[in-house]
Amino acid sequence: MNEKTKELLVDRMTENLVVLRAKLGITQAELADIAGMSRQTILAIEKKQRTMTWNTFLSLLFIFSVNKNTEALLKLFEILTDELIDYITVKK
């Protein structure tokens, strides 16, 4: 997966973070606690004052992909794409 594709996925997650978090019914502080980061980081990303890192993206992807309320939204928002699934799937 190239850097441009990663940036596109990060941008999509950033654009939809408030909606995804609201769909789970959790606060910024609760999401930050689950993801192992500060509430200020989540706030800054949501306000687009801080760029989401790829590591943060993957952490949030994991949280939202294992919750039935948000998994379908990840696909709808074209965040959880076939290309991303292929990229993160370990093949033996």
PDB file of N, CA and C in Angstrom:
ATOM      1  N   MET A   1       0.864  -1.176   0.000  1.00  0.00           N
ATOM      2  CA  MET A   1       0.000   0.000   0.000  1.00  0.00           C
ATOM      3  C   MET A   1       0.903   1.229   0.000  1.00  0.00           C
ATOM      4  N   ASN A   2       0.642   2.141  -0.913  1.00  0.00           N
ATOM      5  CA  ASN A   2       1.506   3.317  -1.006  1.00  0.00           C
ATOM      6  C   ASN A   2       1.078   4.410  -0.014  1.00  0.00           C
ATOM      7  N   GLU A   3       1.955   5.391   0.141  1.00  0.00           N
ATOM      8  CA  GLU A   3       1.715   6.460   1.125  1.00  0.00           C
ATOM      9  C   GLU A   3       0.477   7.290   0.797  1.00  0.00           C
ATOM     10  N   LYS A   4       0.224   7.515  -0.485  1.00  0.00           N
ATOM     11  CA  LYS A   4      -0.957   8.299  -0.878  1.00  0.00           C
ATOM     12  C   LYS A   4      -2.243   7.603  -0.454  1.00  0.00           C
ATOM     13  N   THR A   5      -2.301   6.295  -0.606  1.00  0.00           N
ATOM     14  CA  THR A   5      -3.481   5.535  -0.199  1.00  0.00           C
ATOM     15  C   THR A   5      -3.642   5.597   1.317  1.00  0.00           C
ATOM     16  N   LYS A   6      -2.530   5.460   2.039  1.00  0.00           N
ATOM     17  CA  LYS A   6      -2.585   5.568   3.498  1.00  0.00           C
ATOM     18  C   LYS A   6      -3.119   6.941   3.915  1.00  0.00           C
ATOM     19  N   GLU A   7      -2.614   7.989   3.282  1.00  0.00           N
ATOM     20  CA  GLU A   7      -3.075   9.351   3.592  1.00  0.00           C
ATOM     21  C   GLU A   7      -4.563   9.504   3.315  1.00  0.00           C
ATOM     22  N   LEU A   8      -5.034   8.928   2.226  1.00  0.00           N
ATOM     23  CA  LEU A   8      -6.455   8.988   1.887  1.00  0.00           C
ATOM     24  C   LEU A   8      -7.299   8.303   2.952  1.00  0.00           C
ATOM     25  N   LEU A   9      -6.877   7.135   3.416  1.00  0.00           N
ATOM     26  CA  LEU A   9      -7.614   6.416   4.447  1.00  0.00           C
ATOM     27  C   LEU A   9      -7.599   7.176   5.769  1.00  0.00           C
ATOM     28  N   VAL A  10      -6.457   7.748   6.109  1.00  0.00           N
ATOM     29  CA  VAL A  10      -6.349   8.565   7.327  1.00  0.00           C
ATOM     30  C   VAL A  10      -7.288   9.769   7.230  1.00  0.00           C
ATOM     31  N   ASP A  11      -7.314  10.409   6.070  1.00  0.00           N
ATOM     32  CA  ASP A  11      -8.209  11.560   5.871  1.00  0.00           C
ATOM     33  C   ASP A  11      -9.667  11.154   6.029  1.00  0.00           C
ATOM     34  N   ARG A  12     -10.030  10.003   5.487  1.00  0.00           N
ATOM     35  CA  ARG A  12     -11.415   9.533   5.612  1.00  0.00           C
ATOM     36  C   ARG A  12     -11.771   9.241   7.067  1.00  0.00           C
ATOM     37  N   MET A  13     -10.840   8.644   7.799  1.00  0.00           N
ATOM     38  CA  MET A  13     -11.088   8.373   9.221  1.00  0.00           C
ATOM     39  C   MET A  13     -11.232   9.695   9.975  1.00  0.00           C
ATOM     40  N   THR A  14     -10.367  10.645   9.673  1.00  0.00           N
ATOM     41  CA  THR A  14     -10.428  11.951  10.326  1.00  0.00           C
ATOM     42  C   THR A  14     -11.771  12.625  10.067  1.00  0.00           C
ATOM     43  N   GLU A  15     -12.199  12.615   8.805  1.00  0.00           N
ATOM     44  CA  GLU A  15     -13.468  13.252   8.426  1.00  0.00           C
ATOM     45  C   GLU A  15     -14.673  12.625   9.129  1.00  0.00           C
ATOM     46  N   ASN A  16     -14.597  11.355   9.449  1.00  0.00           N
ATOM     47  CA  ASN A  16     -15.746  10.630   9.989  1.00  0.00           C
ATOM     48  C   ASN A  16     -15.592  10.225  11.444  1.00  0.00           C
ATOM     49  N   LEU A  17     -14.546  10.689  12.095  1.00  0.00           N
ATOM     50  CA  LEU A  17     -14.268  10.275  13.462  1.00  0.00           C
ATOM     51  C   LEU A  17     -15.395  10.639  14.423  1.00  0.00           C
ATOM     52  N   VAL A  18     -15.932  11.834  14.321  1.00  0.00           N
ATOM     53  CA  VAL A  18     -17.008  12.260  15.223  1.00  0.00           C
ATOM     54  C   VAL A  18     -18.226  11.341  15.057  1.00  0.00           C
ATOM     55  N   VAL A  19     -18.564  11.026  13.819  1.00  0.00           N
ATOM     56  CA  VAL A  19     -19.727  10.171  13.550  1.00  0.00           C
ATOM     57  C   VAL A  19     -19.489   8.758  14.087  1.00  0.00           C
ATOM     58  N   LEU A  20     -18.312   8.217  13.843  1.00  0.00           N
ATOM     59  CA  LEU A  20     -17.994   6.868  14.319  1.00  0.00           C
ATOM     60  C   LEU A  20     -18.034   6.805  15.849  1.00  0.00           C
ATOM     61  N   ARG A  21     -17.449   7.797  16.484  1.00  0.00           N
ATOM     62  CA  ARG A  21     -17.435   7.832  17.953  1.00  0.00           C
ATOM     63  C   ARG A  21     -18.858   7.971  18.493  1.00  0.00           C
ATOM     64  N   ALA A  22     -19.654   8.836  17.869  1.00  0.00           N
ATOM     65  CA  ALA A  22     -21.047   9.037  18.308  1.00  0.00           C
ATOM     66  C   ALA A  22     -21.860   7.760  18.130  1.00  0.00           C
ATOM     67  N   LYS A  23     -21.606   7.029  17.055  1.00  0.00           N
ATOM     68  CA  LYS A  23     -22.336   5.781  16.804  1.00  0.00           C
ATOM     69  C   LYS A  23     -22.070   4.764  17.908  1.00  0.00           C
ATOM     70  N   LEU A  24     -20.877   4.803  18.490  1.00  0.00           N
ATOM     71  CA  LEU A  24     -20.573   3.932  19.622  1.00  0.00           C
ATOM     72  C   LEU A  24     -21.130   4.493  20.930  1.00  0.00           C
ATOM     73  N   GLY A  25     -21.496   5.770  20.909  1.00  0.00           N
ATOM     74  CA  GLY A  25     -22.034   6.396  22.117  1.00  0.00           C
ATOM     75  C   GLY A  25     -20.994   6.618  23.195  1.00  0.00           C
ATOM     76  N   ILE A  26     -19.781   6.958  22.755  1.00  0.00           N
ATOM     77  CA  ILE A  26     -18.707   7.187  23.721  1.00  0.00           C
ATOM     78  C   ILE A  26     -18.143   8.600  23.575  1.00  0.00           C
ATOM     79  N   THR A  27     -17.560   9.073  24.653  1.00  0.00           N
ATOM     80  CA  THR A  27     -16.962  10.405  24.668  1.00  0.00           C
ATOM     81  C   THR A  27     -15.549  10.359  24.091  1.00  0.00           C
ATOM     82  N   GLN A  28     -15.000  11.541  23.865  1.00  0.00           N
ATOM     83  CA  GLN A  28     -13.604  11.621  23.423  1.00  0.00           C
ATOM     84  C   GLN A  28     -12.690  10.971  24.453  1.00  0.00           C
ATOM     85  N   ALA A  29     -12.964  11.209  25.718  1.00  0.00           N
ATOM     86  CA  ALA A  29     -12.137  10.646  26.787  1.00  0.00           C
ATOM     87  C   ALA A  29     -12.219   9.121  26.798  1.00  0.00           C
ATOM     88  N   GLU A  30     -13.408   8.580  26.587  1.00  0.00           N
ATOM     89  CA  GLU A  30     -13.564   7.117  26.565  1.00  0.00           C
ATOM     90  C   GLU A  30     -12.840   6.500  25.374  1.00  0.00           C
ATOM     91  N   LEU A  31     -12.965   7.116  24.208  1.00  0.00           N
ATOM     92  CA  LEU A  31     -12.255   6.622  23.035  1.00  0.00           C
ATOM     93  C   LEU A  31     -10.747   6.705  23.244  1.00  0.00           C
ATOM     94  N   ALA A  32     -10.302   7.814  23.787  1.00  0.00           N
ATOM     95  CA  ALA A  32      -8.870   8.001  24.046  1.00  0.00           C
ATOM     96  C   ALA A  32      -8.351   6.928  25.005  1.00  0.00           C
ATOM     97  N   ASP A  33      -9.117   6.622  26.029  1.00  0.00           N
ATOM     98  CA  ASP A  33      -8.716   5.605  27.003  1.00  0.00           C
ATOM     99  C   ASP A  33      -8.595   4.234  26.338  1.00  0.00           C
ATOM    100  N   ILE A  34      -9.574   3.878  25.523  1.00  0.00           N
ATOM    101  CA  ILE A  34      -9.548   2.583  24.833  1.00  0.00           C
ATOM    102  C   ILE A  34      -8.347   2.508  23.884  1.00  0.00           C
ATOM    103  N   ALA A  35      -8.086   3.611  23.182  1.00  0.00           N
ATOM    104  CA  ALA A  35      -7.011   3.638  22.182  1.00  0.00           C
ATOM    105  C   ALA A  35      -5.626   3.889  22.789  1.00  0.00           C
ATOM    106  N   GLY A  36      -5.571   4.234  24.062  1.00  0.00           N
ATOM    107  CA  GLY A  36      -4.283   4.476  24.710  1.00  0.00           C
ATOM    108  C   GLY A  36      -3.652   5.796  24.340  1.00  0.00           C
ATOM    109  N   MET A  37      -4.492   6.816  24.231  1.00  0.00           N
ATOM    110  CA  MET A  37      -3.981   8.159  23.924  1.00  0.00           C
ATOM    111  C   MET A  37      -4.730   9.179  24.774  1.00  0.00           C
ATOM    112  N   SER A  38      -4.398  10.426  24.637  1.00  0.00           N
ATOM    113  CA  SER A  38      -5.041  11.451  25.453  1.00  0.00           C
ATOM    114  C   SER A  38      -6.323  11.957  24.791  1.00  0.00           C
ATOM    115  N   ARG A  39      -7.209  12.486  25.599  1.00  0.00           N
ATOM    116  CA  ARG A  39      -8.434  13.095  25.083  1.00  0.00           C
ATOM    117  C   ARG A  39      -8.071  14.279  24.202  1.00  0.00           C
ATOM    118  N   GLN A  40      -7.019  14.997  24.566  1.00  0.00           N
ATOM    119  CA  GLN A  40      -6.586  16.150  23.790  1.00  0.00           C
ATOM    120  C   GLN A  40      -6.185  15.740  22.368  1.00  0.00           C
ATOM    121  N   THR A  41      -5.600  14.566  22.231  1.00  0.00           N
ATOM    122  CA  THR A  41      -5.229  14.068  20.904  1.00  0.00           C
ATOM    123  C   THR A  41      -6.477  13.833  20.061  1.00  0.00           C
ATOM    124  N   ILE A  42      -7.470  13.161  20.640  1.00  0.00           N
ATOM    125  CA  ILE A  42      -8.725  12.913  19.921  1.00  0.00           C
ATOM    126  C   ILE A  42      -9.382  14.234  19.552  1.00  0.00           C
ATOM    127  N   LEU A  43      -9.436  15.163  20.493  1.00  0.00           N
ATOM    128  CA  LEU A  43     -10.031  16.480  20.254  1.00  0.00           C
ATOM    129  C   LEU A  43      -9.325  17.196  19.100  1.00  0.00           C
ATOM    130  N   ALA A  44      -7.996  17.205  19.135  1.00  0.00           N
ATOM    131  CA  ALA A  44      -7.223  17.896  18.093  1.00  0.00           C
ATOM    132  C   ALA A  44      -7.427  17.254  16.720  1.00  0.00           C
ATOM    133  N   ILE A  45      -7.527  15.936  16.682  1.00  0.00           N
ATOM    134  CA  ILE A  45      -7.774  15.256  15.408  1.00  0.00           C
ATOM    135  C   ILE A  45      -9.167  15.596  14.901  1.00  0.00           C
ATOM    136  N   GLU A  46     -10.160  15.542  15.784  1.00  0.00           N
ATOM    137  CA  GLU A  46     -11.530  15.855  15.373  1.00  0.00           C
ATOM    138  C   GLU A  46     -11.671  17.291  14.876  1.00  0.00           C
ATOM    139  N   LYS A  47     -10.915  18.213  15.467  1.00  0.00           N
ATOM    140  CA  LYS A  47     -10.967  19.619  15.051  1.00  0.00           C
ATOM    141  C   LYS A  47     -10.000  19.919  13.905  1.00  0.00           C
ATOM    142  N   LYS A  48      -9.321  18.867  13.440  1.00  0.00           N
ATOM    143  CA  LYS A  48      -8.351  18.969  12.343  1.00  0.00           C
ATOM    144  C   LYS A  48      -7.200  19.924  12.678  1.00  0.00           C
ATOM    145  N   GLN A  49      -6.847  19.961  13.952  1.00  0.00           N
ATOM    146  CA  GLN A  49      -5.704  20.750  14.396  1.00  0.00           C
ATOM    147  C   GLN A  49      -4.442  19.881  14.468  1.00  0.00           C
ATOM    148  N   ARG A  50      -4.658  18.586  14.326  1.00  0.00           N
ATOM    149  CA  ARG A  50      -3.553  17.633  14.391  1.00  0.00           C
ATOM    150  C   ARG A  50      -3.802  16.539  13.354  1.00  0.00           C
ATOM    151  N   THR A  51      -2.753  16.148  12.658  1.00  0.00           N
ATOM    152  CA  THR A  51      -2.867  15.090  11.660  1.00  0.00           C
ATOM    153  C   THR A  51      -2.800  13.732  12.348  1.00  0.00           C
ATOM    154  N   MET A  52      -3.727  12.877  11.981  1.00  0.00           N
ATOM    155  CA  MET A  52      -3.743  11.529  12.532  1.00  0.00           C
ATOM    156  C   MET A  52      -2.567  10.741  11.958  1.00  0.00           C
ATOM    157  N   THR A  53      -1.853  10.031  12.821  1.00  0.00           N
ATOM    158  CA  THR A  53      -0.757   9.177  12.366  1.00  0.00           C
ATOM    159  C   THR A  53      -1.313   7.838  11.879  1.00  0.00           C
ATOM    160  N   TRP A  54      -0.506   7.103  11.148  1.00  0.00           N
ATOM    161  CA  TRP A  54      -0.912   5.780  10.681  1.00  0.00           C
ATOM    162  C   TRP A  54      -1.147   4.849  11.873  1.00  0.00           C
ATOM    163  N   ASN A  55      -0.320   4.951  12.911  1.00  0.00           N
ATOM    164  CA  ASN A  55      -0.509   4.118  14.105  1.00  0.00           C
ATOM    165  C   ASN A  55      -1.832   4.430  14.797  1.00  0.00           C
ATOM    166  N   THR A  56      -2.171   5.701  14.895  1.00  0.00           N
ATOM    167  CA  THR A  56      -3.452   6.091  15.477  1.00  0.00           C
ATOM    168  C   THR A  56      -4.592   5.576  14.614  1.00  0.00           C
ATOM    169  N   PHE A  57      -4.443   5.707  13.306  1.00  0.00           N
ATOM    170  CA  PHE A  57      -5.447   5.187  12.376  1.00  0.00           C
ATOM    171  C   PHE A  57      -5.695   3.705  12.633  1.00  0.00           C
ATOM    172  N   LEU A  58      -4.620   2.925  12.726  1.00  0.00           N
ATOM    173  CA  LEU A  58      -4.768   1.487  12.930  1.00  0.00           C
ATOM    174  C   LEU A  58      -5.422   1.171  14.271  1.00  0.00           C
ATOM    175  N   SER A  59      -5.084   1.929  15.298  1.00  0.00           N
ATOM    176  CA  SER A  59      -5.719   1.733  16.609  1.00  0.00           C
ATOM    177  C   SER A  59      -7.219   1.984  16.530  1.00  0.00           C
ATOM    178  N   LEU A  60      -7.587   3.088  15.901  1.00  0.00           N
ATOM    179  CA  LEU A  60      -9.008   3.424  15.777  1.00  0.00           C
ATOM    180  C   LEU A  60      -9.729   2.451  14.855  1.00  0.00           C
ATOM    181  N   LEU A  61      -9.053   2.028  13.794  1.00  0.00           N
ATOM    182  CA  LEU A  61      -9.635   1.046  12.884  1.00  0.00           C
ATOM    183  C   LEU A  61      -9.989  -0.228  13.646  1.00  0.00           C
ATOM    184  N   PHE A  62      -9.089  -0.677  14.485  1.00  0.00           N
ATOM    185  CA  PHE A  62      -9.344  -1.881  15.272  1.00  0.00           C
ATOM    186  C   PHE A  62     -10.572  -1.691  16.162  1.00  0.00           C
ATOM    187  N   ILE A  63     -10.626  -0.592  16.870  1.00  0.00           N
ATOM    188  CA  ILE A  63     -11.752  -0.321  17.783  1.00  0.00           C
ATOM    189  C   ILE A  63     -13.068  -0.299  17.019  1.00  0.00           C
ATOM    190  N   PHE A  64     -13.100   0.433  15.921  1.00  0.00           N
ATOM    191  CA  PHE A  64     -14.355   0.578  15.178  1.00  0.00           C
ATOM    192  C   PHE A  64     -14.714  -0.682  14.381  1.00  0.00           C
ATOM    193  N   SER A  65     -13.728  -1.468  13.985  1.00  0.00           N
ATOM    194  CA  SER A  65     -14.029  -2.649  13.168  1.00  0.00           C
ATOM    195  C   SER A  65     -14.547  -3.824  13.994  1.00  0.00           C
ATOM    196  N   VAL A  66     -14.277  -3.840  15.280  1.00  0.00           N
ATOM    197  CA  VAL A  66     -14.768  -4.941  16.117  1.00  0.00           C
ATOM    198  C   VAL A  66     -16.100  -4.623  16.789  1.00  0.00           C
ATOM    199  N   ASN A  67     -16.636  -3.457  16.516  1.00  0.00           N
ATOM    200  CA  ASN A  67     -17.944  -3.070  17.047  1.00  0.00           C
ATOM    201  C   ASN A  67     -18.974  -3.099  15.925  1.00  0.00           C
ATOM    202  N   LYS A  68     -20.038  -3.848  16.135  1.00  0.00           N
ATOM    203  CA  LYS A  68     -21.064  -4.006  15.100  1.00  0.00           C
ATOM    204  C   LYS A  68     -21.684  -2.675  14.696  1.00  0.00           C
ATOM    205  N   ASN A  69     -21.778  -1.738  15.627  1.00  0.00           N
ATOM    206  CA  ASN A  69     -22.388  -0.432  15.334  1.00  0.00           C
ATOM    207  C   ASN A  69     -21.570   0.403  14.355  1.00  0.00           C
ATOM    208  N   THR A  70     -20.281   0.142  14.272  1.00  0.00           N
ATOM    209  CA  THR A  70     -19.432   0.985  13.420  1.00  0.00           C
ATOM    210  C   THR A  70     -18.749   0.243  12.280  1.00  0.00           C
ATOM    211  N   GLU A  71     -18.720  -1.068  12.325  1.00  0.00           N
ATOM    212  CA  GLU A  71     -18.042  -1.823  11.267  1.00  0.00           C
ATOM    213  C   GLU A  71     -18.623  -1.508   9.884  1.00  0.00           C
ATOM    214  N   ALA A  72     -19.939  -1.483   9.773  1.00  0.00           N
ATOM    215  CA  ALA A  72     -20.571  -1.195   8.474  1.00  0.00           C
ATOM    216  C   ALA A  72     -20.267   0.234   8.017  1.00  0.00           C
ATOM    217  N   LEU A  73     -20.180   1.165   8.972  1.00  0.00           N
ATOM    218  CA  LEU A  73     -19.860   2.546   8.611  1.00  0.00           C
ATOM    219  C   LEU A  73     -18.450   2.667   8.033  1.00  0.00           C
ATOM    220  N   LEU A  74     -17.523   1.877   8.565  1.00  0.00           N
ATOM    221  CA  LEU A  74     -16.162   1.904   8.026  1.00  0.00           C
ATOM    222  C   LEU A  74     -16.162   1.543   6.546  1.00  0.00           C
ATOM    223  N   LYS A  75     -16.984   0.592   6.187  1.00  0.00           N
ATOM    224  CA  LYS A  75     -17.082   0.197   4.775  1.00  0.00           C
ATOM    225  C   LYS A  75     -17.825   1.258   3.972  1.00  0.00           C
ATOM    226  N   LEU A  76     -18.894   1.784   4.529  1.00  0.00           N
ATOM    227  CA  LEU A  76     -19.674   2.823   3.859  1.00  0.00           C
ATOM    228  C   LEU A  76     -18.817   4.063   3.576  1.00  0.00           C
ATOM    229  N   PHE A  77     -18.007   4.448   4.545  1.00  0.00           N
ATOM    230  CA  PHE A  77     -17.149   5.627   4.406  1.00  0.00           C
ATOM    231  C   PHE A  77     -15.870   5.320   3.624  1.00  0.00           C
ATOM    232  N   GLU A  78     -15.758   4.101   3.113  1.00  0.00           N
ATOM    233  CA  GLU A  78     -14.591   3.647   2.342  1.00  0.00           C
ATOM    234  C   GLU A  78     -13.284   3.786   3.125  1.00  0.00           C
ATOM    235  N   ILE A  79     -13.367   3.435   4.411  1.00  0.00           N
ATOM    236  CA  ILE A  79     -12.180   3.396   5.264  1.00  0.00           C
ATOM    237  C   ILE A  79     -11.657   1.966   5.317  1.00  0.00           C
ATOM    238  N   LEU A  80     -12.539   1.026   5.547  1.00  0.00           N
ATOM    239  CA  LEU A  80     -12.175  -0.392   5.562  1.00  0.00           C
ATOM    240  C   LEU A  80     -12.406  -0.944   4.155  1.00  0.00           C
ATOM    241  N   THR A  81     -11.366  -0.823   3.334  1.00  0.00           N
ATOM    242  CA  THR A  81     -11.448  -1.215   1.928  1.00  0.00           C
ATOM    243  C   THR A  81     -10.840  -2.608   1.738  1.00  0.00           C
ATOM    244  N   ASP A  82     -11.129  -3.212   0.602  1.00  0.00           N
ATOM    245  CA  ASP A  82     -10.525  -4.508   0.277  1.00  0.00           C
ATOM    246  C   ASP A  82      -9.004  -4.391   0.238  1.00  0.00           C
ATOM    247  N   GLU A  83      -8.519  -3.290  -0.308  1.00  0.00           N
ATOM    248  CA  GLU A  83      -7.071  -3.079  -0.374  1.00  0.00           C
ATOM    249  C   GLU A  83      -6.452  -3.025   1.021  1.00  0.00           C
ATOM    250  N   LEU A  84      -7.115  -2.332   1.948  1.00  0.00           N
ATOM    251  CA  LEU A  84      -6.604  -2.254   3.317  1.00  0.00           C
ATOM    252  C   LEU A  84      -6.655  -3.625   3.981  1.00  0.00           C
ATOM    253  N   ILE A  85      -7.737  -4.350   3.783  1.00  0.00           N
ATOM    254  CA  ILE A  85      -7.845  -5.686   4.370  1.00  0.00           C
ATOM    255  C   ILE A  85      -6.721  -6.583   3.846  1.00  0.00           C
ATOM    256  N   ASP A  86      -6.452  -6.519   2.538  1.00  0.00           N
ATOM    257  CA  ASP A  86      -5.344  -7.298   1.970  1.00  0.00           C
ATOM    258  C   ASP A  86      -4.013  -6.883   2.579  1.00  0.00           C
ATOM    259  N   TYR A  87      -3.844  -5.577   2.776  1.00  0.00           N
ATOM    260  CA  TYR A  87      -2.580  -5.039   3.296  1.00  0.00           C
ATOM    261  C   TYR A  87      -2.321  -5.513   4.734  1.00  0.00           C
ATOM    262  N   ILE A  88      -3.354  -5.550   5.567  1.00  0.00           N
ATOM    263  CA  ILE A  88      -3.157  -5.867   6.975  1.00  0.00           C
ATOM    264  C   ILE A  88      -3.343  -7.353   7.300  1.00  0.00           C
ATOM    265  N   THR A  89      -3.725  -8.133   6.287  1.00  0.00           N
ATOM    266  CA  THR A  89      -3.915  -9.558   6.501  1.00  0.00           C
ATOM    267  C   THR A  89      -2.582 -10.288   6.316  1.00  0.00           C
ATOM    268  N   VAL A  90      -2.212 -11.042   7.328  1.00  0.00           N
ATOM    269  CA  VAL A  90      -0.974 -11.813   7.259  1.00  0.00           C
ATOM    270  C   VAL A  90      -1.269 -13.094   6.491  1.00  0.00           C
ATOM    271  N   LYS A  91      -0.506 -13.304   5.448  1.00  0.00           N
ATOM    272  CA  LYS A  91      -0.678 -14.505   4.622  1.00  0.00           C
ATOM    273  C   LYS A  91       0.538 -15.407   4.811  1.00  0.00           C
ATOM    274  N   LYS A  92       0.262 -16.651   5.085  1.00  0.00           N
ATOM    275  CA  LYS A  92       1.366 -17.609   5.274  1.00  0.00           C
ATOM    276  C   LYS A  92       1.589 -18.413   4.022  1.00  0.00           C
TER     277      LYS A  92
END
